[in-house]
Amino acid sequence: MSAETPQPRSVLVTGANRGIGRAIAEEFVRRGDQVAITSRSGQDGPEGTLTLTADITDGASLDAAVKEAEAAHGPIEVLVANAGVTDDQLLLRMSDESFEKVIDTNLTGSFRTVKRVIKSMMRKKKGRIVLISSVVGQLGSPGQVNYAASKAGLLGIARSITRELGSRGITANVVAPGYIATDMTDALPEDLQKSYLGQIPAARFAEPSEVARVVAFLASDDAAYISGAVLPVDGGLGMGH
C-alpha cells in the first residue's frame, strides 16, 4: 500500500523576494505546499507563490498580509521568519537609531509575525516555526553589534515558544547560516572573499538552496521531535558555539 500524498500546507515566508528567503519559498513550492511571501518593496516572489506587500515593523501591515495569506491558503501551518536588515557601523559610531532599527526589524519583527500566526497553530495543535538567524549571532562580528544582538535574540524566542507550546504539537527552531553565495558575496573584493573562505572549514560559501533544504526539514513531520534547537548551516565556521 503506497503512502498517501501529504496535503499541501499553508506556508508563510517573510522577506522572500530575494536571497535565502527566495530559495526557502522555492523549496516549499517544490514540495507541493501553498506558499505566501512578504516583501517590503512589493517585488514578486518565486513562481507559484502569493506575494504580499508588508513591512514587519508595522503591525497593521502584517495583520493585512496574514489575513490575505489565510484567505488564499488557509490558516498558517508553517512560518519562516526570514526578513531582516543590516546597518553596520563600529560601536563608537553606531547611533541609537541604527541599533533600534535593526532590532525592531530582525528581532521584534520576528515576534510580531509569530504572534499573528500562533493562535491558529494552537487551535490545530500543530505548527512549525523556523527563525532565520546567522552565525554572527553566536560568533559576533566587528561593526555588527546591532545585527548580532538581533540574531542572537531569536534563540530566546524559539526556546521560550518551545517551553510554552511544545505540548501542543508546535515546534520552534533556529537556522543559523554562515556565508552564502549571493550577489552580495560575489561583489566582495577577491582578497576579502579569500579571507572569509580561509575561516570556513568547508572552504566554500553555501548555496541558498542548502539553507532552504534544512529549513524545509525542520518544517517537516520528520522533525516533530526537534524544538528549541539551533541548526548551523555554515560549513563548520561556528563550531562549538
C-alpha atoms as a PDB file:
ATOM      1  CA  MET A   1       0.000   0.000   0.000  1.00  0.00           C
ATOM      2  CA  SER A   2       1.538   3.305  -1.069  1.00  0.00           C
ATOM      3  CA  ALA A   3       1.796   6.195   1.356  1.00  0.00           C
ATOM      4  CA  GLU A   4      -0.764   8.949   0.960  1.00  0.00           C
ATOM      5  CA  THR A   5       0.370  12.157  -0.714  1.00  0.00           C
ATOM      6  CA  PRO A   6       0.675  14.780   2.031  1.00  0.00           C
ATOM      7  CA  GLN A   7      -1.825  17.622   1.919  1.00  0.00           C
ATOM      8  CA  PRO A   8      -0.360  20.967   0.825  1.00  0.00           C
ATOM      9  CA  ARG A   9       0.282  23.166   3.847  1.00  0.00           C
ATOM     10  CA  SER A  10      -0.209  26.910   4.214  1.00  0.00           C
ATOM     11  CA  VAL A  11       3.320  28.361   4.442  1.00  0.00           C
ATOM     12  CA  LEU A  12       4.370  31.984   5.096  1.00  0.00           C
ATOM     13  CA  VAL A  13       7.954  33.137   4.449  1.00  0.00           C
ATOM     14  CA  THR A  14       8.834  36.736   5.307  1.00  0.00           C
ATOM     15  CA  GLY A  15      11.310  38.708   3.211  1.00  0.00           C
ATOM     16  CA  ALA A  16      11.346  36.130   0.421  1.00  0.00           C
ATOM     17  CA  ASN A  17      11.658  38.188  -2.735  1.00  0.00           C
ATOM     18  CA  ARG A  18      15.424  37.542  -2.925  1.00  0.00           C
ATOM     19  CA  GLY A  19      18.384  35.652  -1.459  1.00  0.00           C
ATOM     20  CA  ILE A  20      17.909  32.946   1.161  1.00  0.00           C
ATOM     21  CA  GLY A  21      14.233  33.754   1.663  1.00  0.00           C
ATOM     22  CA  ARG A  22      13.511  33.288  -2.029  1.00  0.00           C
ATOM     23  CA  ALA A  23      15.298  29.909  -2.055  1.00  0.00           C
ATOM     24  CA  ILE A  24      13.271  28.818   1.003  1.00  0.00           C
ATOM     25  CA  ALA A  25       9.988  29.773  -0.690  1.00  0.00           C
ATOM     26  CA  GLU A  26      11.054  27.900  -3.855  1.00  0.00           C
ATOM     27  CA  GLU A  27      11.807  24.772  -1.817  1.00  0.00           C
ATOM     28  CA  PHE A  28       8.358  24.735  -0.206  1.00  0.00           C
ATOM     29  CA  VAL A  29       6.714  25.245  -3.604  1.00  0.00           C
ATOM     30  CA  ARG A  30       8.792  22.348  -4.960  1.00  0.00           C
ATOM     31  CA  ARG A  31       7.477  20.173  -2.120  1.00  0.00           C
ATOM     32  CA  GLY A  32       3.880  20.966  -3.045  1.00  0.00           C
ATOM     33  CA  ASP A  33       2.967  23.483  -0.357  1.00  0.00           C
ATOM     34  CA  GLN A  34       0.915  26.659  -0.798  1.00  0.00           C
ATOM     35  CA  VAL A  35       3.331  29.481  -0.165  1.00  0.00           C
ATOM     36  CA  ALA A  36       2.764  33.150   0.594  1.00  0.00           C
ATOM     37  CA  ILE A  37       5.706  35.526   0.929  1.00  0.00           C
ATOM     38  CA  THR A  38       6.050  39.046   2.280  1.00  0.00           C
ATOM     39  CA  SER A  39       8.109  41.669   0.523  1.00  0.00           C
ATOM     40  CA  ARG A  40       8.532  45.212   1.793  1.00  0.00           C
ATOM     41  CA  SER A  41       9.126  46.500  -1.733  1.00  0.00           C
ATOM     42  CA  GLY A  42       6.268  44.526  -3.252  1.00  0.00           C
ATOM     43  CA  GLN A  43       8.748  42.798  -5.585  1.00  0.00           C
ATOM     44  CA  ASP A  44       7.345  39.442  -6.669  1.00  0.00           C
ATOM     45  CA  GLY A  45       8.460  36.221  -5.019  1.00  0.00           C
ATOM     46  CA  PRO A  46       9.234  32.983  -6.881  1.00  0.00           C
ATOM     47  CA  GLU A  47       6.821  31.477  -9.369  1.00  0.00           C
ATOM     48  CA  GLY A  48       3.943  29.719  -7.639  1.00  0.00           C
ATOM     49  CA  THR A  49       3.933  31.967  -4.554  1.00  0.00           C
ATOM     50  CA  LEU A  50       1.472  34.609  -3.423  1.00  0.00           C
ATOM     51  CA  THR A  51       3.349  37.901  -2.927  1.00  0.00           C
ATOM     52  CA  LEU A  52       2.109  40.182  -0.149  1.00  0.00           C
ATOM     53  CA  THR A  53       3.467  43.691   0.338  1.00  0.00           C
ATOM     54  CA  ALA A  54       4.160  44.002   4.059  1.00  0.00           C
ATOM     55  CA  ASP A  55       6.551  45.685   6.470  1.00  0.00           C
ATOM     56  CA  ILE A  56       7.265  43.540   9.538  1.00  0.00           C
ATOM     57  CA  THR A  57       7.891  46.674  11.614  1.00  0.00           C
ATOM     58  CA  ASP A  58       4.265  47.728  11.013  1.00  0.00           C
ATOM     59  CA  GLY A  59       1.666  45.651  12.873  1.00  0.00           C
ATOM     60  CA  ALA A  60      -1.285  46.774  10.727  1.00  0.00           C
ATOM     61  CA  SER A  61       0.623  45.897   7.555  1.00  0.00           C
ATOM     62  CA  LEU A  62       1.370  42.429   8.958  1.00  0.00           C
ATOM     63  CA  ASP A  63      -2.246  41.924  10.049  1.00  0.00           C
ATOM     64  CA  ALA A  64      -3.411  42.595   6.491  1.00  0.00           C
ATOM     65  CA  ALA A  65      -0.776  40.264   4.975  1.00  0.00           C
ATOM     66  CA  VAL A  66      -1.585  37.346   7.288  1.00  0.00           C
ATOM     67  CA  LYS A  67      -5.315  37.821   6.647  1.00  0.00           C
ATOM     68  CA  GLU A  68      -4.722  37.734   2.874  1.00  0.00           C
ATOM     69  CA  ALA A  69      -2.464  34.665   3.099  1.00  0.00           C
ATOM     70  CA  GLU A  70      -5.021  32.793   5.207  1.00  0.00           C
ATOM     71  CA  ALA A  71      -7.887  33.778   2.893  1.00  0.00           C
ATOM     72  CA  ALA A  72      -5.948  32.274  -0.019  1.00  0.00           C
ATOM     73  CA  HIS A  73      -4.361  29.201   1.595  1.00  0.00           C
ATOM     74  CA  GLY A  74      -5.991  28.635   4.985  1.00  0.00           C
ATOM     75  CA  PRO A  75      -4.507  29.148   8.490  1.00  0.00           C
ATOM     76  CA  ILE A  76      -0.688  29.366   8.505  1.00  0.00           C
ATOM     77  CA  GLU A  77       0.828  25.995   9.416  1.00  0.00           C
ATOM     78  CA  VAL A  78       4.492  26.814   8.696  1.00  0.00           C
ATOM     79  CA  LEU A  79       6.108  30.184   9.409  1.00  0.00           C
ATOM     80  CA  VAL A  80       9.645  31.046   8.315  1.00  0.00           C
ATOM     81  CA  ALA A  81      10.698  34.391   9.808  1.00  0.00           C
ATOM     82  CA  ASN A  82      13.465  35.410   7.441  1.00  0.00           C
ATOM     83  CA  ALA A  83      13.069  39.165   6.836  1.00  0.00           C
ATOM     84  CA  GLY A  84      15.988  41.193   8.152  1.00  0.00           C
ATOM     85  CA  VAL A  85      18.227  44.206   7.648  1.00  0.00           C
ATOM     86  CA  THR A  86      21.769  45.270   8.449  1.00  0.00           C
ATOM     87  CA  ASP A  87      23.132  48.710   9.302  1.00  0.00           C
ATOM     88  CA  ASP A  88      26.800  48.096  10.044  1.00  0.00           C
ATOM     89  CA  GLN A  89      28.913  50.558  11.988  1.00  0.00           C
ATOM     90  CA  LEU A  90      31.589  50.291  14.654  1.00  0.00           C
ATOM     91  CA  LEU A  91      30.166  50.572  18.161  1.00  0.00           C
ATOM     92  CA  LEU A  92      31.625  54.023  18.906  1.00  0.00           C
ATOM     93  CA  ARG A  93      29.937  55.407  15.792  1.00  0.00           C
ATOM     94  CA  MET A  94      26.686  53.458  15.959  1.00  0.00           C
ATOM     95  CA  SER A  95      23.670  55.634  16.679  1.00  0.00           C
ATOM     96  CA  ASP A  96      20.806  54.655  18.956  1.00  0.00           C
ATOM     97  CA  GLU A  97      18.560  54.803  15.876  1.00  0.00           C
ATOM     98  CA  SER A  98      20.752  52.333  13.976  1.00  0.00           C
ATOM     99  CA  PHE A  99      20.653  49.841  16.841  1.00  0.00           C
ATOM    100  CA  GLU A 100      16.913  50.232  17.378  1.00  0.00           C
ATOM    101  CA  LYS A 101      16.073  49.913  13.658  1.00  0.00           C
ATOM    102  CA  VAL A 102      17.897  46.593  13.278  1.00  0.00           C
ATOM    103  CA  ILE A 103      16.425  45.172  16.500  1.00  0.00           C
ATOM    104  CA  ASP A 104      12.924  46.351  15.512  1.00  0.00           C
ATOM    105  CA  THR A 105      13.128  44.590  12.151  1.00  0.00           C
ATOM    106  CA  ASN A 106      15.089  41.426  12.863  1.00  0.00           C
ATOM    107  CA  LEU A 107      14.031  40.593  16.425  1.00  0.00           C
ATOM    108  CA  THR A 108      10.790  42.435  17.187  1.00  0.00           C
ATOM    109  CA  GLY A 109       9.634  41.831  13.605  1.00  0.00           C
ATOM    110  CA  SER A 110      10.004  38.082  14.128  1.00  0.00           C
ATOM    111  CA  PHE A 111       7.987  38.344  17.365  1.00  0.00           C
ATOM    112  CA  ARG A 112       5.254  40.326  15.590  1.00  0.00           C
ATOM    113  CA  THR A 113       4.983  37.720  12.842  1.00  0.00           C
ATOM    114  CA  VAL A 114       4.922  34.722  15.216  1.00  0.00           C
ATOM    115  CA  LYS A 115       2.281  36.427  17.373  1.00  0.00           C
ATOM    116  CA  ARG A 116      -0.048  36.773  14.372  1.00  0.00           C
ATOM    117  CA  VAL A 117       0.021  33.106  13.346  1.00  0.00           C
ATOM    118  CA  ILE A 118       0.317  31.313  16.659  1.00  0.00           C
ATOM    119  CA  LYS A 119      -3.397  31.181  17.577  1.00  0.00           C
ATOM    120  CA  SER A 120      -4.310  29.151  14.503  1.00  0.00           C
ATOM    121  CA  MET A 121      -1.402  26.763  15.178  1.00  0.00           C
ATOM    122  CA  MET A 122      -2.630  26.307  18.753  1.00  0.00           C
ATOM    123  CA  ARG A 123      -6.162  25.570  17.538  1.00  0.00           C
ATOM    124  CA  LYS A 124      -4.845  22.972  15.101  1.00  0.00           C
ATOM    125  CA  LYS A 125      -2.378  21.609  17.695  1.00  0.00           C
ATOM    126  CA  LYS A 126       0.325  21.590  15.054  1.00  0.00           C
ATOM    127  CA  GLY A 127       2.734  24.184  13.755  1.00  0.00           C
ATOM    128  CA  ARG A 128       6.278  24.744  12.566  1.00  0.00           C
ATOM    129  CA  ILE A 129       8.162  27.974  13.278  1.00  0.00           C
ATOM    130  CA  VAL A 130      11.644  28.464  11.832  1.00  0.00           C
ATOM    131  CA  LEU A 131      13.569  31.644  12.656  1.00  0.00           C
ATOM    132  CA  ILE A 132      16.469  32.561  10.369  1.00  0.00           C
ATOM    133  CA  SER A 133      19.423  33.722  12.440  1.00  0.00           C
ATOM    134  CA  SER A 134      23.114  33.919  11.461  1.00  0.00           C
ATOM    135  CA  VAL A 135      26.462  32.522  12.538  1.00  0.00           C
ATOM    136  CA  VAL A 136      27.136  36.126  13.610  1.00  0.00           C
ATOM    137  CA  GLY A 137      24.547  35.665  16.378  1.00  0.00           C
ATOM    138  CA  GLN A 138      26.928  33.212  18.082  1.00  0.00           C
ATOM    139  CA  LEU A 139      30.350  34.448  16.932  1.00  0.00           C
ATOM    140  CA  GLY A 140      29.806  38.208  16.925  1.00  0.00           C
ATOM    141  CA  SER A 141      31.275  40.435  14.240  1.00  0.00           C
ATOM    142  CA  PRO A 142      33.052  43.803  14.274  1.00  0.00           C
ATOM    143  CA  GLY A 143      30.675  46.553  13.216  1.00  0.00           C
ATOM    144  CA  GLN A 144      27.600  44.393  13.778  1.00  0.00           C
ATOM    145  CA  VAL A 145      26.670  44.824  17.447  1.00  0.00           C
ATOM    146  CA  ASN A 146      23.078  45.579  16.393  1.00  0.00           C
ATOM    147  CA  TYR A 147      22.786  42.714  13.892  1.00  0.00           C
ATOM    148  CA  ALA A 148      24.499  40.141  16.152  1.00  0.00           C
ATOM    149  CA  ALA A 149      22.255  41.081  19.087  1.00  0.00           C
ATOM    150  CA  SER A 150      19.126  40.794  16.952  1.00  0.00           C
ATOM    151  CA  LYS A 151      20.116  37.383  15.594  1.00  0.00           C
ATOM    152  CA  ALA A 152      21.191  36.020  18.992  1.00  0.00           C
ATOM    153  CA  GLY A 153      17.835  37.053  20.453  1.00  0.00           C
ATOM    154  CA  LEU A 154      15.948  34.730  18.100  1.00  0.00           C
ATOM    155  CA  LEU A 155      17.161  31.737  20.098  1.00  0.00           C
ATOM    156  CA  GLY A 156      15.477  33.114  23.216  1.00  0.00           C
ATOM    157  CA  ILE A 157      12.225  33.443  21.278  1.00  0.00           C
ATOM    158  CA  ALA A 158      12.436  29.884  19.896  1.00  0.00           C
ATOM    159  CA  ARG A 159      13.230  28.309  23.265  1.00  0.00           C
ATOM    160  CA  SER A 160      10.511  30.234  25.089  1.00  0.00           C
ATOM    161  CA  ILE A 161       7.942  29.202  22.455  1.00  0.00           C
ATOM    162  CA  THR A 162       9.115  25.602  22.834  1.00  0.00           C
ATOM    163  CA  ARG A 163       8.578  25.696  26.600  1.00  0.00           C
ATOM    164  CA  GLU A 164       5.186  27.415  26.278  1.00  0.00           C
ATOM    165  CA  LEU A 165       3.744  25.461  23.364  1.00  0.00           C
ATOM    166  CA  GLY A 166       5.771  22.279  22.908  1.00  0.00           C
ATOM    167  CA  SER A 167       2.922  20.170  24.319  1.00  0.00           C
ATOM    168  CA  ARG A 168       0.598  21.472  21.578  1.00  0.00           C
ATOM    169  CA  GLY A 169       2.474  19.973  18.652  1.00  0.00           C
ATOM    170  CA  ILE A 170       4.229  23.255  17.811  1.00  0.00           C
ATOM    171  CA  THR A 171       7.994  23.365  17.254  1.00  0.00           C
ATOM    172  CA  ALA A 172      10.206  26.449  17.078  1.00  0.00           C
ATOM    173  CA  ASN A 173      13.762  26.230  15.806  1.00  0.00           C
ATOM    174  CA  VAL A 174      16.569  28.476  14.613  1.00  0.00           C
ATOM    175  CA  VAL A 175      18.652  28.069  11.451  1.00  0.00           C
ATOM    176  CA  ALA A 176      21.984  29.915  11.562  1.00  0.00           C
ATOM    177  CA  PRO A 177      23.511  30.294   8.080  1.00  0.00           C
ATOM    178  CA  GLY A 178      27.138  31.228   7.563  1.00  0.00           C
ATOM    179  CA  TYR A 179      28.445  32.898   4.402  1.00  0.00           C
ATOM    180  CA  ILE A 180      26.097  32.300   1.479  1.00  0.00           C
ATOM    181  CA  ALA A 181      26.874  32.581  -2.239  1.00  0.00           C
ATOM    182  CA  THR A 182      24.723  35.544  -3.297  1.00  0.00           C
ATOM    183  CA  ASP A 183      25.145  38.616  -5.483  1.00  0.00           C
ATOM    184  CA  MET A 184      26.379  40.374  -2.346  1.00  0.00           C
ATOM    185  CA  THR A 185      29.237  37.942  -1.680  1.00  0.00           C
ATOM    186  CA  ASP A 186      30.079  37.808  -5.408  1.00  0.00           C
ATOM    187  CA  ALA A 187      30.589  41.575  -5.334  1.00  0.00           C
ATOM    188  CA  LEU A 188      33.105  41.440  -2.473  1.00  0.00           C
ATOM    189  CA  PRO A 189      36.759  42.131  -3.346  1.00  0.00           C
ATOM    190  CA  GLU A 190      38.646  38.924  -4.142  1.00  0.00           C
ATOM    191  CA  ASP A 191      41.064  39.287  -1.208  1.00  0.00           C
ATOM    192  CA  LEU A 192      38.127  39.662   1.203  1.00  0.00           C
ATOM    193  CA  GLN A 193      36.427  36.576  -0.259  1.00  0.00           C
ATOM    194  CA  LYS A 194      39.673  34.630   0.229  1.00  0.00           C
ATOM    195  CA  SER A 195      39.900  35.851   3.838  1.00  0.00           C
ATOM    196  CA  TYR A 196      36.351  34.645   4.564  1.00  0.00           C
ATOM    197  CA  LEU A 197      36.930  31.323   2.808  1.00  0.00           C
ATOM    198  CA  GLY A 198      40.063  30.790   4.882  1.00  0.00           C
ATOM    199  CA  GLN A 199      37.939  30.784   8.054  1.00  0.00           C
ATOM    200  CA  ILE A 200      35.455  28.181   6.763  1.00  0.00           C
ATOM    201  CA  PRO A 201      36.493  24.516   7.158  1.00  0.00           C
ATOM    202  CA  ALA A 202      34.338  23.596   4.137  1.00  0.00           C
ATOM    203  CA  ALA A 203      36.417  26.140   2.114  1.00  0.00           C
ATOM    204  CA  ARG A 204      33.383  27.393   0.168  1.00  0.00           C
ATOM    205  CA  PHE A 205      30.296  29.520   0.585  1.00  0.00           C
ATOM    206  CA  ALA A 206      26.910  27.786   0.915  1.00  0.00           C
ATOM    207  CA  GLU A 207      24.320  27.834  -1.829  1.00  0.00           C
ATOM    208  CA  PRO A 208      20.978  29.386  -0.753  1.00  0.00           C
ATOM    209  CA  SER A 209      19.291  26.062  -1.619  1.00  0.00           C
ATOM    210  CA  GLU A 210      21.389  24.287   1.037  1.00  0.00           C
ATOM    211  CA  VAL A 211      19.890  26.530   3.703  1.00  0.00           C
ATOM    212  CA  ALA A 212      16.416  26.089   2.192  1.00  0.00           C
ATOM    213  CA  ARG A 213      16.523  22.305   2.448  1.00  0.00           C
ATOM    214  CA  VAL A 214      17.452  22.462   6.155  1.00  0.00           C
ATOM    215  CA  VAL A 215      14.527  24.826   6.786  1.00  0.00           C
ATOM    216  CA  ALA A 216      12.173  22.504   4.905  1.00  0.00           C
ATOM    217  CA  PHE A 217      13.377  19.548   7.001  1.00  0.00           C
ATOM    218  CA  LEU A 218      12.676  21.397  10.267  1.00  0.00           C
ATOM    219  CA  ALA A 219       9.183  22.176   8.960  1.00  0.00           C
ATOM    220  CA  SER A 220       8.512  18.521   8.103  1.00  0.00           C
ATOM    221  CA  ASP A 221       6.878  15.743  10.115  1.00  0.00           C
ATOM    222  CA  ASP A 222      10.307  14.079  10.294  1.00  0.00           C
ATOM    223  CA  ALA A 223      11.433  16.901  12.617  1.00  0.00           C
ATOM    224  CA  ALA A 224       8.453  16.685  15.010  1.00  0.00           C
ATOM    225  CA  TYR A 225      10.734  15.956  17.982  1.00  0.00           C
ATOM    226  CA  ILE A 226      13.225  18.748  17.295  1.00  0.00           C
ATOM    227  CA  SER A 227      12.421  22.043  19.024  1.00  0.00           C
ATOM    228  CA  GLY A 228      14.406  24.875  20.581  1.00  0.00           C
ATOM    229  CA  ALA A 229      17.427  23.852  18.509  1.00  0.00           C
ATOM    230  CA  VAL A 230      19.954  25.865  16.526  1.00  0.00           C
ATOM    231  CA  LEU A 231      20.972  24.228  13.256  1.00  0.00           C
ATOM    232  CA  PRO A 232      24.103  25.835  11.814  1.00  0.00           C
ATOM    233  CA  VAL A 233      24.469  25.803   8.025  1.00  0.00           C
ATOM    234  CA  ASP A 234      27.914  27.337   7.981  1.00  0.00           C
ATOM    235  CA  GLY A 235      30.447  24.781   6.747  1.00  0.00           C
ATOM    236  CA  GLY A 236      31.872  24.459  10.270  1.00  0.00           C
ATOM    237  CA  LEU A 237      32.603  28.185  10.744  1.00  0.00           C
ATOM    238  CA  GLY A 238      30.833  28.483  14.115  1.00  0.00           C
ATOM    239  CA  MET A 239      31.701  25.086  15.599  1.00  0.00           C
ATOM    240  CA  GLY A 240      31.181  24.826  19.328  1.00  0.00           C
ATOM    241  CA  HIS A 241      29.077  27.981  19.623  1.00  0.00           C
END
